[in-house]
Amino acid sequence: MADDYTHGKVEFADRITSEQGARWPVEAGRYRLVASLACPWASRAVVVRRLLGLEDALSLAVVDPIQDERSWRFTLDPDGRDPVLGIRFLHEAYDATGVDYENGVSVPAVVDVPSGRLVTNDYFQLTLDLATQWTSLHRDGAPDLYPEPLRDEMDAVMARVYAELNDPVYGAGFAESQAAYERAYDKVFGCLDWMRERLQAQRYLVGTHITEADVRAFTTLVRFDAVYHGHFKCNRNKIAEDPVLWAYLRDLYQTPGFGDTVNMTHIKRHYHEVHRNINPLGIVPKGPVLDWSAPHHREELGGSPFGDGSPPTRPTDLSTYRDR
């Protein structure tokens, strides 16, 4: 339908690969990941970067959760400039490509540090490439987030999660007609019902340890009660009111690499202060109050978060943004 919302088209889909002669070769320290801790699409890359231990190989820039008409801003940094790229606004890296772009400036974005130009904003492919192309730079014990034997099943699950959950929460929030809103709403809760049934008997969406499929589900679920339930009118029920999904979400949140990348202050401020067409006064709600540390008992279903690997142990490099 013409009035149905869909997430913005990816315009810069270059890939950073380990292939011989690649235009953009995997190289430690060459690229900078620009992310918003408010954005679920960018948060995927932040989670995967930490799970794989790529902090030293791929530096991270965190933008202000509040955008202005000039796009994502580096106002959390001294003098309002990213200390590595030297720019004030992410659009400067987009402009450096010399390519006209129609869909605005989005995160995640990977920028080539030497040239200062954007390489990719392809949030679909980026995390898969971090898992499969950057293996020489993974930490010891890093999980296999895209196991080859499971890829067909994973691709099908991730496609459904995207088409019926990740994207339609926005369809509900930005709907311009009652019919469009209800279509999106029905997709969201249909998908959550399907996920509940799938997760009643297995700890993770696919396989016996965390994969990219769980990452993509997590970044939507962790925002659901704080933002999508009220702000986007996805209000049949909260995740915290669903015993299976709430236990699954807590299990992931308590897994190193997931909850320690979440900044709920950024999340709530971005949605409620930026979307003035939905929340004209920009008032940020204080709640909800959720006990993320409560026991989940999901280990009783078998499996383990990292399979034969191990959790990340280095301190998160996001702690400086915790209260900002």
C-alpha atoms as a PDB file:
ATOM      1  CA  MET A   1       0.000   0.000   0.000  1.00  0.00           C
ATOM      2  CA  ALA A   2       1.227   3.483  -0.840  1.00  0.00           C
ATOM      3  CA  ASP A   3       0.770   4.759   2.715  1.00  0.00           C
ATOM      4  CA  ASP A   4       2.672   1.894   4.356  1.00  0.00           C
ATOM      5  CA  TYR A   5       5.994   2.874   5.924  1.00  0.00           C
ATOM      6  CA  THR A   6       9.198   1.079   4.972  1.00  0.00           C
ATOM      7  CA  HIS A   7      12.681   1.792   6.305  1.00  0.00           C
ATOM      8  CA  GLY A   8      14.926   3.950   4.154  1.00  0.00           C
ATOM      9  CA  LYS A   9      16.729   2.462   1.180  1.00  0.00           C
ATOM     10  CA  VAL A  10      20.435   1.715   1.527  1.00  0.00           C
ATOM     11  CA  GLU A  11      22.283   3.922  -0.969  1.00  0.00           C
ATOM     12  CA  PHE A  12      25.898   3.142  -0.064  1.00  0.00           C
ATOM     13  CA  ALA A  13      26.332  -0.623  -0.175  1.00  0.00           C
ATOM     14  CA  ASP A  14      30.084  -1.048  -0.669  1.00  0.00           C
ATOM     15  CA  ARG A  15      31.530  -3.895   1.377  1.00  0.00           C
ATOM     16  CA  ILE A  16      34.725  -4.221   3.382  1.00  0.00           C
ATOM     17  CA  THR A  17      36.016  -7.704   2.641  1.00  0.00           C
ATOM     18  CA  SER A  18      38.977 -10.019   3.036  1.00  0.00           C
ATOM     19  CA  GLU A  19      39.032 -10.825  -0.680  1.00  0.00           C
ATOM     20  CA  GLN A  20      42.268 -10.369  -2.595  1.00  0.00           C
ATOM     21  CA  GLY A  21      42.283  -6.997  -4.349  1.00  0.00           C
ATOM     22  CA  ALA A  22      39.163  -5.729  -2.569  1.00  0.00           C
ATOM     23  CA  ARG A  23      38.399  -2.048  -3.060  1.00  0.00           C
ATOM     24  CA  TRP A  24      37.849  -1.776   0.685  1.00  0.00           C
ATOM     25  CA  PRO A  25      40.060  -4.418   2.344  1.00  0.00           C
ATOM     26  CA  VAL A  26      39.719  -5.473   5.963  1.00  0.00           C
ATOM     27  CA  GLU A  27      42.430  -3.566   7.764  1.00  0.00           C
ATOM     28  CA  ALA A  28      42.794  -2.875  11.473  1.00  0.00           C
ATOM     29  CA  GLY A  29      42.475   0.801  12.331  1.00  0.00           C
ATOM     30  CA  ARG A  30      41.518   1.984   8.858  1.00  0.00           C
ATOM     31  CA  TYR A  31      37.779   2.403   9.373  1.00  0.00           C
ATOM     32  CA  ARG A  32      35.539   4.095  11.911  1.00  0.00           C
ATOM     33  CA  LEU A  33      32.054   2.909  12.810  1.00  0.00           C
ATOM     34  CA  VAL A  34      29.666   5.790  13.426  1.00  0.00           C
ATOM     35  CA  ALA A  35      26.642   4.782  15.471  1.00  0.00           C
ATOM     36  CA  SER A  36      23.784   6.158  17.489  1.00  0.00           C
ATOM     37  CA  LEU A  37      23.078   4.252  20.694  1.00  0.00           C
ATOM     38  CA  ALA A  38      19.444   5.239  20.186  1.00  0.00           C
ATOM     39  CA  CYS A  39      19.083   3.571  16.792  1.00  0.00           C
ATOM     40  CA  PRO A  40      18.281  -0.164  16.632  1.00  0.00           C
ATOM     41  CA  TRP A  41      19.891  -0.549  13.201  1.00  0.00           C
ATOM     42  CA  ALA A  42      23.151   1.005  14.424  1.00  0.00           C
ATOM     43  CA  SER A  43      22.998  -0.847  17.727  1.00  0.00           C
ATOM     44  CA  ARG A  44      23.208  -4.131  15.814  1.00  0.00           C
ATOM     45  CA  ALA A  45      26.695  -3.168  14.700  1.00  0.00           C
ATOM     46  CA  VAL A  46      27.678  -2.001  18.190  1.00  0.00           C
ATOM     47  CA  VAL A  47      26.606  -5.341  19.695  1.00  0.00           C
ATOM     48  CA  VAL A  48      28.358  -7.408  17.017  1.00  0.00           C
ATOM     49  CA  ARG A  49      31.553  -5.351  17.267  1.00  0.00           C
ATOM     50  CA  ARG A  50      31.692  -6.055  21.001  1.00  0.00           C
ATOM     51  CA  LEU A  51      30.770  -9.738  20.761  1.00  0.00           C
ATOM     52  CA  LEU A  52      33.534 -10.301  18.208  1.00  0.00           C
ATOM     53  CA  GLY A  53      36.109  -8.224  20.073  1.00  0.00           C
ATOM     54  CA  LEU A  54      36.713  -5.776  17.238  1.00  0.00           C
ATOM     55  CA  GLU A  55      37.152  -2.709  19.442  1.00  0.00           C
ATOM     56  CA  ASP A  56      40.845  -2.275  18.583  1.00  0.00           C
ATOM     57  CA  ALA A  57      40.343  -3.018  14.880  1.00  0.00           C
ATOM     58  CA  LEU A  58      37.260  -0.846  14.263  1.00  0.00           C
ATOM     59  CA  SER A  59      37.028   2.352  16.263  1.00  0.00           C
ATOM     60  CA  LEU A  60      33.652   3.710  17.330  1.00  0.00           C
ATOM     61  CA  ALA A  61      32.142   7.186  17.143  1.00  0.00           C
ATOM     62  CA  VAL A  62      28.914   7.815  19.034  1.00  0.00           C
ATOM     63  CA  VAL A  63      26.659  10.604  17.828  1.00  0.00           C
ATOM     64  CA  ASP A  64      24.329  12.762  19.872  1.00  0.00           C
ATOM     65  CA  PRO A  65      20.916  11.080  20.194  1.00  0.00           C
ATOM     66  CA  ILE A  66      19.285  14.358  19.163  1.00  0.00           C
ATOM     67  CA  GLN A  67      19.563  15.254  15.492  1.00  0.00           C
ATOM     68  CA  ASP A  68      19.018  18.628  13.921  1.00  0.00           C
ATOM     69  CA  GLU A  69      18.337  19.581  10.309  1.00  0.00           C
ATOM     70  CA  ARG A  70      22.004  18.997   9.484  1.00  0.00           C
ATOM     71  CA  SER A  71      21.859  15.310  10.488  1.00  0.00           C
ATOM     72  CA  TRP A  72      23.612  13.301  13.168  1.00  0.00           C
ATOM     73  CA  ARG A  73      25.979  15.451  15.235  1.00  0.00           C
ATOM     74  CA  PHE A  74      29.207  14.826  17.142  1.00  0.00           C
ATOM     75  CA  THR A  75      28.205  17.158  19.959  1.00  0.00           C
ATOM     76  CA  LEU A  76      29.114  14.587  22.637  1.00  0.00           C
ATOM     77  CA  ASP A  77      32.784  15.111  21.756  1.00  0.00           C
ATOM     78  CA  PRO A  78      35.011  18.070  22.728  1.00  0.00           C
ATOM     79  CA  ASP A  79      34.367  21.091  20.482  1.00  0.00           C
ATOM     80  CA  GLY A  80      31.568  19.147  18.810  1.00  0.00           C
ATOM     81  CA  ARG A  81      33.996  17.312  16.497  1.00  0.00           C
ATOM     82  CA  ASP A  82      34.711  13.636  16.145  1.00  0.00           C
ATOM     83  CA  PRO A  83      38.307  13.323  17.423  1.00  0.00           C
ATOM     84  CA  VAL A  84      39.334  10.888  14.664  1.00  0.00           C
ATOM     85  CA  LEU A  85      37.445  12.147  11.620  1.00  0.00           C
ATOM     86  CA  GLY A  86      37.590  15.826  12.597  1.00  0.00           C
ATOM     87  CA  ILE A  87      34.035  16.479  11.412  1.00  0.00           C
ATOM     88  CA  ARG A  88      31.057  18.031  13.173  1.00  0.00           C
ATOM     89  CA  PHE A  89      28.282  16.270  11.255  1.00  0.00           C
ATOM     90  CA  LEU A  90      28.058  12.821   9.736  1.00  0.00           C
ATOM     91  CA  HIS A  91      26.785  14.302   6.479  1.00  0.00           C
ATOM     92  CA  GLU A  92      30.326  15.560   5.872  1.00  0.00           C
ATOM     93  CA  ALA A  93      31.484  11.961   5.337  1.00  0.00           C
ATOM     94  CA  TYR A  94      28.514  11.348   3.041  1.00  0.00           C
ATOM     95  CA  ASP A  95      29.311  14.512   1.088  1.00  0.00           C
ATOM     96  CA  ALA A  96      32.934  13.397   0.733  1.00  0.00           C
ATOM     97  CA  THR A  97      31.802  10.530  -1.520  1.00  0.00           C
ATOM     98  CA  GLY A  98      30.907  13.053  -4.226  1.00  0.00           C
ATOM     99  CA  VAL A  99      27.706  11.095  -4.818  1.00  0.00           C
ATOM    100  CA  ASP A 100      24.221  12.584  -4.675  1.00  0.00           C
ATOM    101  CA  TYR A 101      22.093  10.760  -2.125  1.00  0.00           C
ATOM    102  CA  GLU A 102      18.344  10.990  -1.710  1.00  0.00           C
ATOM    103  CA  ASN A 103      17.492   9.210   1.525  1.00  0.00           C
ATOM    104  CA  GLY A 104      19.264  11.353   4.054  1.00  0.00           C
ATOM    105  CA  VAL A 105      22.066  10.530   6.457  1.00  0.00           C
ATOM    106  CA  SER A 106      21.711   7.314   8.406  1.00  0.00           C
ATOM    107  CA  VAL A 107      23.566   5.193  10.916  1.00  0.00           C
ATOM    108  CA  PRO A 108      25.320   2.847  11.158  1.00  0.00           C
ATOM    109  CA  ALA A 109      27.912   4.299   8.848  1.00  0.00           C
ATOM    110  CA  VAL A 110      31.447   3.091   8.264  1.00  0.00           C
ATOM    111  CA  VAL A 111      33.915   5.792   7.249  1.00  0.00           C
ATOM    112  CA  ASP A 112      37.346   5.358   5.700  1.00  0.00           C
ATOM    113  CA  VAL A 113      39.580   7.325   8.070  1.00  0.00           C
ATOM    114  CA  PRO A 114      42.373   8.265   5.605  1.00  0.00           C
ATOM    115  CA  SER A 115      39.975   9.764   3.048  1.00  0.00           C
ATOM    116  CA  GLY A 116      37.188  10.793   5.402  1.00  0.00           C
ATOM    117  CA  ARG A 117      34.548   9.410   3.045  1.00  0.00           C
ATOM    118  CA  LEU A 118      31.669   7.100   3.759  1.00  0.00           C
ATOM    119  CA  VAL A 119      32.176   3.483   2.725  1.00  0.00           C
ATOM    120  CA  THR A 120      28.826   1.936   3.613  1.00  0.00           C
ATOM    121  CA  ASN A 121      25.563   2.512   5.438  1.00  0.00           C
ATOM    122  CA  ASP A 122      24.287  -0.982   4.603  1.00  0.00           C
ATOM    123  CA  TYR A 123      22.981  -2.098   7.989  1.00  0.00           C
ATOM    124  CA  PHE A 124      21.734  -5.376   6.458  1.00  0.00           C
ATOM    125  CA  GLN A 125      25.158  -6.541   5.281  1.00  0.00           C
ATOM    126  CA  LEU A 126      27.521  -4.764   7.668  1.00  0.00           C
ATOM    127  CA  THR A 127      27.134  -7.057  10.654  1.00  0.00           C
ATOM    128  CA  LEU A 128      27.275 -10.186   8.490  1.00  0.00           C
ATOM    129  CA  ASP A 129      30.561  -8.963   7.048  1.00  0.00           C
ATOM    130  CA  LEU A 130      31.940  -8.224  10.509  1.00  0.00           C
ATOM    131  CA  ALA A 131      31.160 -11.842  11.370  1.00  0.00           C
ATOM    132  CA  THR A 132      32.478 -13.460   8.186  1.00  0.00           C
ATOM    133  CA  GLN A 133      35.017 -11.109   6.574  1.00  0.00           C
ATOM    134  CA  TRP A 134      36.787  -9.736   9.668  1.00  0.00           C
ATOM    135  CA  THR A 135      37.593 -13.150  11.185  1.00  0.00           C
ATOM    136  CA  SER A 136      41.351 -12.542  11.215  1.00  0.00           C
ATOM    137  CA  LEU A 137      40.748  -9.705  13.671  1.00  0.00           C
ATOM    138  CA  HIS A 138      38.214 -11.422  15.939  1.00  0.00           C
ATOM    139  CA  ARG A 139      39.119 -11.931  19.588  1.00  0.00           C
ATOM    140  CA  ASP A 140      39.985 -15.402  20.827  1.00  0.00           C
ATOM    141  CA  GLY A 141      36.774 -17.173  21.754  1.00  0.00           C
ATOM    142  CA  ALA A 142      34.535 -14.993  19.574  1.00  0.00           C
ATOM    143  CA  PRO A 143      31.224 -16.670  18.731  1.00  0.00           C
ATOM    144  CA  ASP A 144      30.290 -17.670  15.200  1.00  0.00           C
ATOM    145  CA  LEU A 145      27.357 -15.331  14.677  1.00  0.00           C
ATOM    146  CA  TYR A 146      26.531 -16.590  11.175  1.00  0.00           C
ATOM    147  CA  PRO A 147      27.314 -20.338  11.194  1.00  0.00           C
ATOM    148  CA  GLU A 148      27.391 -21.722   7.685  1.00  0.00           C
ATOM    149  CA  PRO A 149      25.253 -24.830   8.425  1.00  0.00           C
ATOM    150  CA  LEU A 150      22.489 -22.608   9.824  1.00  0.00           C
ATOM    151  CA  ARG A 151      22.504 -19.814   7.254  1.00  0.00           C
ATOM    152  CA  ASP A 152      19.436 -20.856   5.278  1.00  0.00           C
ATOM    153  CA  GLU A 153      17.354 -21.112   8.434  1.00  0.00           C
ATOM    154  CA  MET A 154      18.852 -17.910   9.835  1.00  0.00           C
ATOM    155  CA  ASP A 155      18.178 -15.984   6.643  1.00  0.00           C
ATOM    156  CA  ALA A 156      14.527 -17.046   6.710  1.00  0.00           C
ATOM    157  CA  VAL A 157      14.121 -16.166  10.390  1.00  0.00           C
ATOM    158  CA  MET A 158      15.874 -12.813  10.028  1.00  0.00           C
ATOM    159  CA  ALA A 159      13.802 -11.936   6.954  1.00  0.00           C
ATOM    160  CA  ARG A 160      10.604 -12.553   8.894  1.00  0.00           C
ATOM    161  CA  VAL A 161      11.820 -10.641  11.947  1.00  0.00           C
ATOM    162  CA  TYR A 162      12.722  -7.696   9.735  1.00  0.00           C
ATOM    163  CA  ALA A 163       9.526  -7.677   7.663  1.00  0.00           C
ATOM    164  CA  GLU A 164       7.153  -8.311  10.550  1.00  0.00           C
ATOM    165  CA  LEU A 165       8.850  -6.741  13.584  1.00  0.00           C
ATOM    166  CA  ASN A 166      11.953  -4.578  13.074  1.00  0.00           C
ATOM    167  CA  ASP A 167      10.372  -2.475  10.332  1.00  0.00           C
ATOM    168  CA  PRO A 168       6.622  -2.534  11.140  1.00  0.00           C
ATOM    169  CA  VAL A 169       7.073  -0.970  14.576  1.00  0.00           C
ATOM    170  CA  TYR A 170       8.013   2.128  12.582  1.00  0.00           C
ATOM    171  CA  GLY A 171       5.094   1.510  10.251  1.00  0.00           C
ATOM    172  CA  ALA A 172       2.784   1.678  13.235  1.00  0.00           C
ATOM    173  CA  GLY A 173       4.479   4.740  14.707  1.00  0.00           C
ATOM    174  CA  PHE A 174       4.616   6.770  11.495  1.00  0.00           C
ATOM    175  CA  ALA A 175       1.337   5.581   9.957  1.00  0.00           C
ATOM    176  CA  GLU A 176      -0.676   8.272   8.242  1.00  0.00           C
ATOM    177  CA  SER A 177      -3.931   6.330   8.170  1.00  0.00           C
ATOM    178  CA  GLN A 178      -5.798   4.023  10.502  1.00  0.00           C
ATOM    179  CA  ALA A 179      -5.580   1.185   8.001  1.00  0.00           C
ATOM    180  CA  ALA A 180      -1.800   1.497   7.632  1.00  0.00           C
ATOM    181  CA  TYR A 181      -1.388   1.586  11.409  1.00  0.00           C
ATOM    182  CA  GLU A 182      -3.493  -1.524  11.915  1.00  0.00           C
ATOM    183  CA  ARG A 183      -1.634  -3.456   9.201  1.00  0.00           C
ATOM    184  CA  ALA A 184       1.674  -2.693  10.865  1.00  0.00           C
ATOM    185  CA  TYR A 185       0.313  -3.398  14.347  1.00  0.00           C
ATOM    186  CA  ASP A 186      -1.002  -6.793  13.261  1.00  0.00           C
ATOM    187  CA  LYS A 187       2.362  -7.698  11.712  1.00  0.00           C
ATOM    188  CA  VAL A 188       4.210  -6.781  14.904  1.00  0.00           C
ATOM    189  CA  PHE A 189       2.094  -8.864  17.231  1.00  0.00           C
ATOM    190  CA  GLY A 190       1.782 -11.711  14.762  1.00  0.00           C
ATOM    191  CA  CYS A 191       5.581 -11.882  14.697  1.00  0.00           C
ATOM    192  CA  LEU A 192       5.873 -11.663  18.477  1.00  0.00           C
ATOM    193  CA  ASP A 193       3.378 -14.525  18.815  1.00  0.00           C
ATOM    194  CA  TRP A 194       5.409 -16.608  16.341  1.00  0.00           C
ATOM    195  CA  MET A 195       8.627 -15.810  18.214  1.00  0.00           C
ATOM    196  CA  ARG A 196       7.034 -16.816  21.515  1.00  0.00           C
ATOM    197  CA  GLU A 197       6.012 -20.193  20.117  1.00  0.00           C
ATOM    198  CA  ARG A 198       9.496 -20.728  18.693  1.00  0.00           C
ATOM    199  CA  LEU A 199      11.241 -19.734  21.928  1.00  0.00           C
ATOM    200  CA  GLN A 200       9.123 -21.795  24.297  1.00  0.00           C
ATOM    201  CA  ALA A 201      11.217 -24.876  23.617  1.00  0.00           C
ATOM    202  CA  GLN A 202      14.572 -23.428  22.537  1.00  0.00           C
ATOM    203  CA  ARG A 203      16.831 -20.850  24.134  1.00  0.00           C
ATOM    204  CA  TYR A 204      17.779 -18.948  20.967  1.00  0.00           C
ATOM    205  CA  LEU A 205      16.030 -18.176  17.709  1.00  0.00           C
ATOM    206  CA  VAL A 206      18.314 -20.431  15.657  1.00  0.00           C
ATOM    207  CA  GLY A 207      20.762 -23.023  16.931  1.00  0.00           C
ATOM    208  CA  THR A 208      22.094 -23.512  20.434  1.00  0.00           C
ATOM    209  CA  HIS A 209      24.072 -20.303  20.922  1.00  0.00           C
ATOM    210  CA  ILE A 210      23.628 -16.625  20.121  1.00  0.00           C
ATOM    211  CA  THR A 211      23.644 -15.690  16.454  1.00  0.00           C
ATOM    212  CA  GLU A 212      22.961 -12.664  14.295  1.00  0.00           C
ATOM    213  CA  ALA A 213      19.264 -13.597  14.454  1.00  0.00           C
ATOM    214  CA  ASP A 214      19.216 -12.909  18.197  1.00  0.00           C
ATOM    215  CA  VAL A 215      21.080  -9.636  17.722  1.00  0.00           C
ATOM    216  CA  ARG A 216      18.465  -8.405  15.257  1.00  0.00           C
ATOM    217  CA  ALA A 217      15.597  -9.399  17.521  1.00  0.00           C
ATOM    218  CA  PHE A 218      17.257  -7.932  20.626  1.00  0.00           C
ATOM    219  CA  THR A 219      17.663  -4.375  19.364  1.00  0.00           C
ATOM    220  CA  THR A 220      13.922  -4.105  18.718  1.00  0.00           C
ATOM    221  CA  LEU A 221      12.760  -5.985  21.802  1.00  0.00           C
ATOM    222  CA  VAL A 222      14.940  -3.966  24.184  1.00  0.00           C
ATOM    223  CA  ARG A 223      13.268  -0.746  22.960  1.00  0.00           C
ATOM    224  CA  PHE A 224       9.750  -2.113  22.920  1.00  0.00           C
ATOM    225  CA  ASP A 225       8.371  -1.292  26.346  1.00  0.00           C
ATOM    226  CA  ALA A 226      10.201   2.030  26.649  1.00  0.00           C
ATOM    227  CA  VAL A 227       9.335   3.356  23.192  1.00  0.00           C
ATOM    228  CA  TYR A 228       7.305   1.247  20.799  1.00  0.00           C
ATOM    229  CA  HIS A 229       4.512   0.285  23.204  1.00  0.00           C
ATOM    230  CA  GLY A 230       3.435   3.875  23.922  1.00  0.00           C
ATOM    231  CA  HIS A 231       5.206   6.183  21.487  1.00  0.00           C
ATOM    232  CA  PHE A 232       4.487   3.992  18.449  1.00  0.00           C
ATOM    233  CA  LYS A 233       1.124   2.675  19.721  1.00  0.00           C
ATOM    234  CA  CYS A 234       2.176  -0.986  19.656  1.00  0.00           C
ATOM    235  CA  ASN A 235       0.166  -1.464  22.804  1.00  0.00           C
ATOM    236  CA  ARG A 236      -1.517  -4.872  22.773  1.00  0.00           C
ATOM    237  CA  ASN A 237       0.908  -5.876  25.498  1.00  0.00           C
ATOM    238  CA  LYS A 238       4.399  -5.118  26.740  1.00  0.00           C
ATOM    239  CA  ILE A 239       7.301  -7.522  26.360  1.00  0.00           C
ATOM    240  CA  ALA A 240       7.532  -7.579  30.171  1.00  0.00           C
ATOM    241  CA  GLU A 241       3.981  -8.968  30.215  1.00  0.00           C
ATOM    242  CA  ASP A 242       4.942 -11.962  28.066  1.00  0.00           C
ATOM    243  CA  PRO A 243       6.712 -14.578  30.220  1.00  0.00           C
ATOM    244  CA  VAL A 244       8.555 -16.249  27.334  1.00  0.00           C
ATOM    245  CA  LEU A 245       9.709 -13.154  25.445  1.00  0.00           C
ATOM    246  CA  TRP A 246      10.573 -11.259  28.627  1.00  0.00           C
ATOM    247  CA  ALA A 247      12.731 -14.156  29.865  1.00  0.00           C
ATOM    248  CA  TYR A 248      14.401 -14.401  26.415  1.00  0.00           C
ATOM    249  CA  LEU A 249      15.083 -10.670  26.383  1.00  0.00           C
ATOM    250  CA  ARG A 250      16.530 -10.720  29.916  1.00  0.00           C
ATOM    251  CA  ASP A 251      18.712 -13.684  28.967  1.00  0.00           C
ATOM    252  CA  LEU A 252      20.202 -11.707  26.086  1.00  0.00           C
ATOM    253  CA  TYR A 253      20.450  -8.489  28.105  1.00  0.00           C
ATOM    254  CA  GLN A 254      22.456 -10.294  30.776  1.00  0.00           C
ATOM    255  CA  THR A 255      24.799 -11.790  28.171  1.00  0.00           C
ATOM    256  CA  PRO A 256      28.024  -9.741  27.878  1.00  0.00           C
ATOM    257  CA  GLY A 257      27.934  -7.763  24.647  1.00  0.00           C
ATOM    258  CA  PHE A 258      24.191  -7.125  24.695  1.00  0.00           C
ATOM    259  CA  GLY A 259      22.948  -5.243  27.753  1.00  0.00           C
ATOM    260  CA  ASP A 260      26.270  -3.496  28.303  1.00  0.00           C
ATOM    261  CA  THR A 261      25.818  -1.726  24.944  1.00  0.00           C
ATOM    262  CA  VAL A 262      22.326  -0.407  25.742  1.00  0.00           C
ATOM    263  CA  ASN A 263      21.878   3.259  26.609  1.00  0.00           C
ATOM    264  CA  MET A 264      18.235   3.753  27.561  1.00  0.00           C
ATOM    265  CA  THR A 265      18.766   7.474  28.107  1.00  0.00           C
ATOM    266  CA  HIS A 266      19.793   7.901  24.466  1.00  0.00           C
ATOM    267  CA  ILE A 267      16.947   5.674  23.306  1.00  0.00           C
ATOM    268  CA  LYS A 268      14.208   7.512  25.157  1.00  0.00           C
ATOM    269  CA  ARG A 269      15.561  10.982  24.436  1.00  0.00           C
ATOM    270  CA  HIS A 270      15.907  10.328  20.711  1.00  0.00           C
ATOM    271  CA  TYR A 271      12.453   8.956  20.059  1.00  0.00           C
ATOM    272  CA  HIS A 272      10.559  11.332  22.314  1.00  0.00           C
ATOM    273  CA  GLU A 273      12.512  14.518  21.573  1.00  0.00           C
ATOM    274  CA  VAL A 274      13.102  14.085  17.848  1.00  0.00           C
ATOM    275  CA  HIS A 275       9.703  12.766  16.703  1.00  0.00           C
ATOM    276  CA  ARG A 276       7.784  15.977  17.330  1.00  0.00           C
ATOM    277  CA  ASN A 277       5.081  14.938  14.860  1.00  0.00           C
ATOM    278  CA  ILE A 278       4.228  12.169  17.329  1.00  0.00           C
ATOM    279  CA  ASN A 279       5.218  13.862  20.612  1.00  0.00           C
ATOM    280  CA  PRO A 280       4.890  17.617  19.974  1.00  0.00           C
ATOM    281  CA  LEU A 281       6.138  18.799  23.377  1.00  0.00           C
ATOM    282  CA  GLY A 282       9.143  16.483  23.451  1.00  0.00           C
ATOM    283  CA  ILE A 283       8.392  15.226  26.961  1.00  0.00           C
ATOM    284  CA  VAL A 284      10.452  12.148  27.815  1.00  0.00           C
ATOM    285  CA  PRO A 285       8.667   9.611  30.043  1.00  0.00           C
ATOM    286  CA  LYS A 286      10.429   8.541  33.239  1.00  0.00           C
ATOM    287  CA  GLY A 287       9.426   4.884  33.015  1.00  0.00           C
ATOM    288  CA  PRO A 288       9.158   2.040  32.598  1.00  0.00           C
ATOM    289  CA  VAL A 289      11.081   0.547  35.518  1.00  0.00           C
ATOM    290  CA  LEU A 290      12.191  -2.954  34.539  1.00  0.00           C
ATOM    291  CA  ASP A 291      14.273  -5.462  36.447  1.00  0.00           C
ATOM    292  CA  TRP A 292      16.777  -6.524  33.807  1.00  0.00           C
ATOM    293  CA  SER A 293      18.764  -8.554  36.345  1.00  0.00           C
ATOM    294  CA  ALA A 294      15.930 -10.875  37.389  1.00  0.00           C
ATOM    295  CA  PRO A 295      16.646 -14.602  36.861  1.00  0.00           C
ATOM    296  CA  HIS A 296      15.415 -15.833  33.495  1.00  0.00           C
ATOM    297  CA  HIS A 297      15.936 -19.608  33.826  1.00  0.00           C
ATOM    298  CA  ARG A 298      16.440 -19.926  30.076  1.00  0.00           C
ATOM    299  CA  GLU A 299      19.541 -22.054  30.648  1.00  0.00           C
ATOM    300  CA  GLU A 300      17.136 -24.879  31.507  1.00  0.00           C
ATOM    301  CA  LEU A 301      16.360 -25.140  27.774  1.00  0.00           C
ATOM    302  CA  GLY A 302      19.967 -26.097  27.006  1.00  0.00           C
ATOM    303  CA  GLY A 303      22.523 -24.353  24.855  1.00  0.00           C
ATOM    304  CA  SER A 304      24.960 -21.705  26.001  1.00  0.00           C
ATOM    305  CA  PRO A 305      25.474 -18.101  24.895  1.00  0.00           C
ATOM    306  CA  PHE A 306      28.892 -18.543  23.280  1.00  0.00           C
ATOM    307  CA  GLY A 307      28.884 -22.221  22.337  1.00  0.00           C
ATOM    308  CA  ASP A 308      32.502 -23.383  22.323  1.00  0.00           C
ATOM    309  CA  GLY A 309      33.687 -19.784  22.659  1.00  0.00           C
ATOM    310  CA  SER A 310      33.800 -17.341  25.547  1.00  0.00           C
ATOM    311  CA  PRO A 311      32.242 -13.999  26.493  1.00  0.00           C
ATOM    312  CA  PRO A 312      33.958 -10.672  25.958  1.00  0.00           C
ATOM    313  CA  THR A 313      35.810  -9.674  29.117  1.00  0.00           C
ATOM    314  CA  ARG A 314      37.278  -6.270  28.289  1.00  0.00           C
ATOM    315  CA  PRO A 315      35.420  -3.267  29.728  1.00  0.00           C
ATOM    316  CA  THR A 316      32.912  -1.704  27.389  1.00  0.00           C
ATOM    317  CA  ASP A 317      34.093   1.448  25.638  1.00  0.00           C
ATOM    318  CA  LEU A 318      30.574   2.902  25.956  1.00  0.00           C
ATOM    319  CA  SER A 319      30.678   3.647  29.679  1.00  0.00           C
ATOM    320  CA  THR A 320      31.464   7.334  29.136  1.00  0.00           C
ATOM    321  CA  TYR A 321      28.093   7.761  27.420  1.00  0.00           C
ATOM    322  CA  ARG A 322      26.054   6.040  30.127  1.00  0.00           C
ATOM    323  CA  ASP A 323      24.457   9.185  31.551  1.00  0.00           C
ATOM    324  CA  ARG A 324      24.790  11.513  28.569  1.00  0.00           C
END
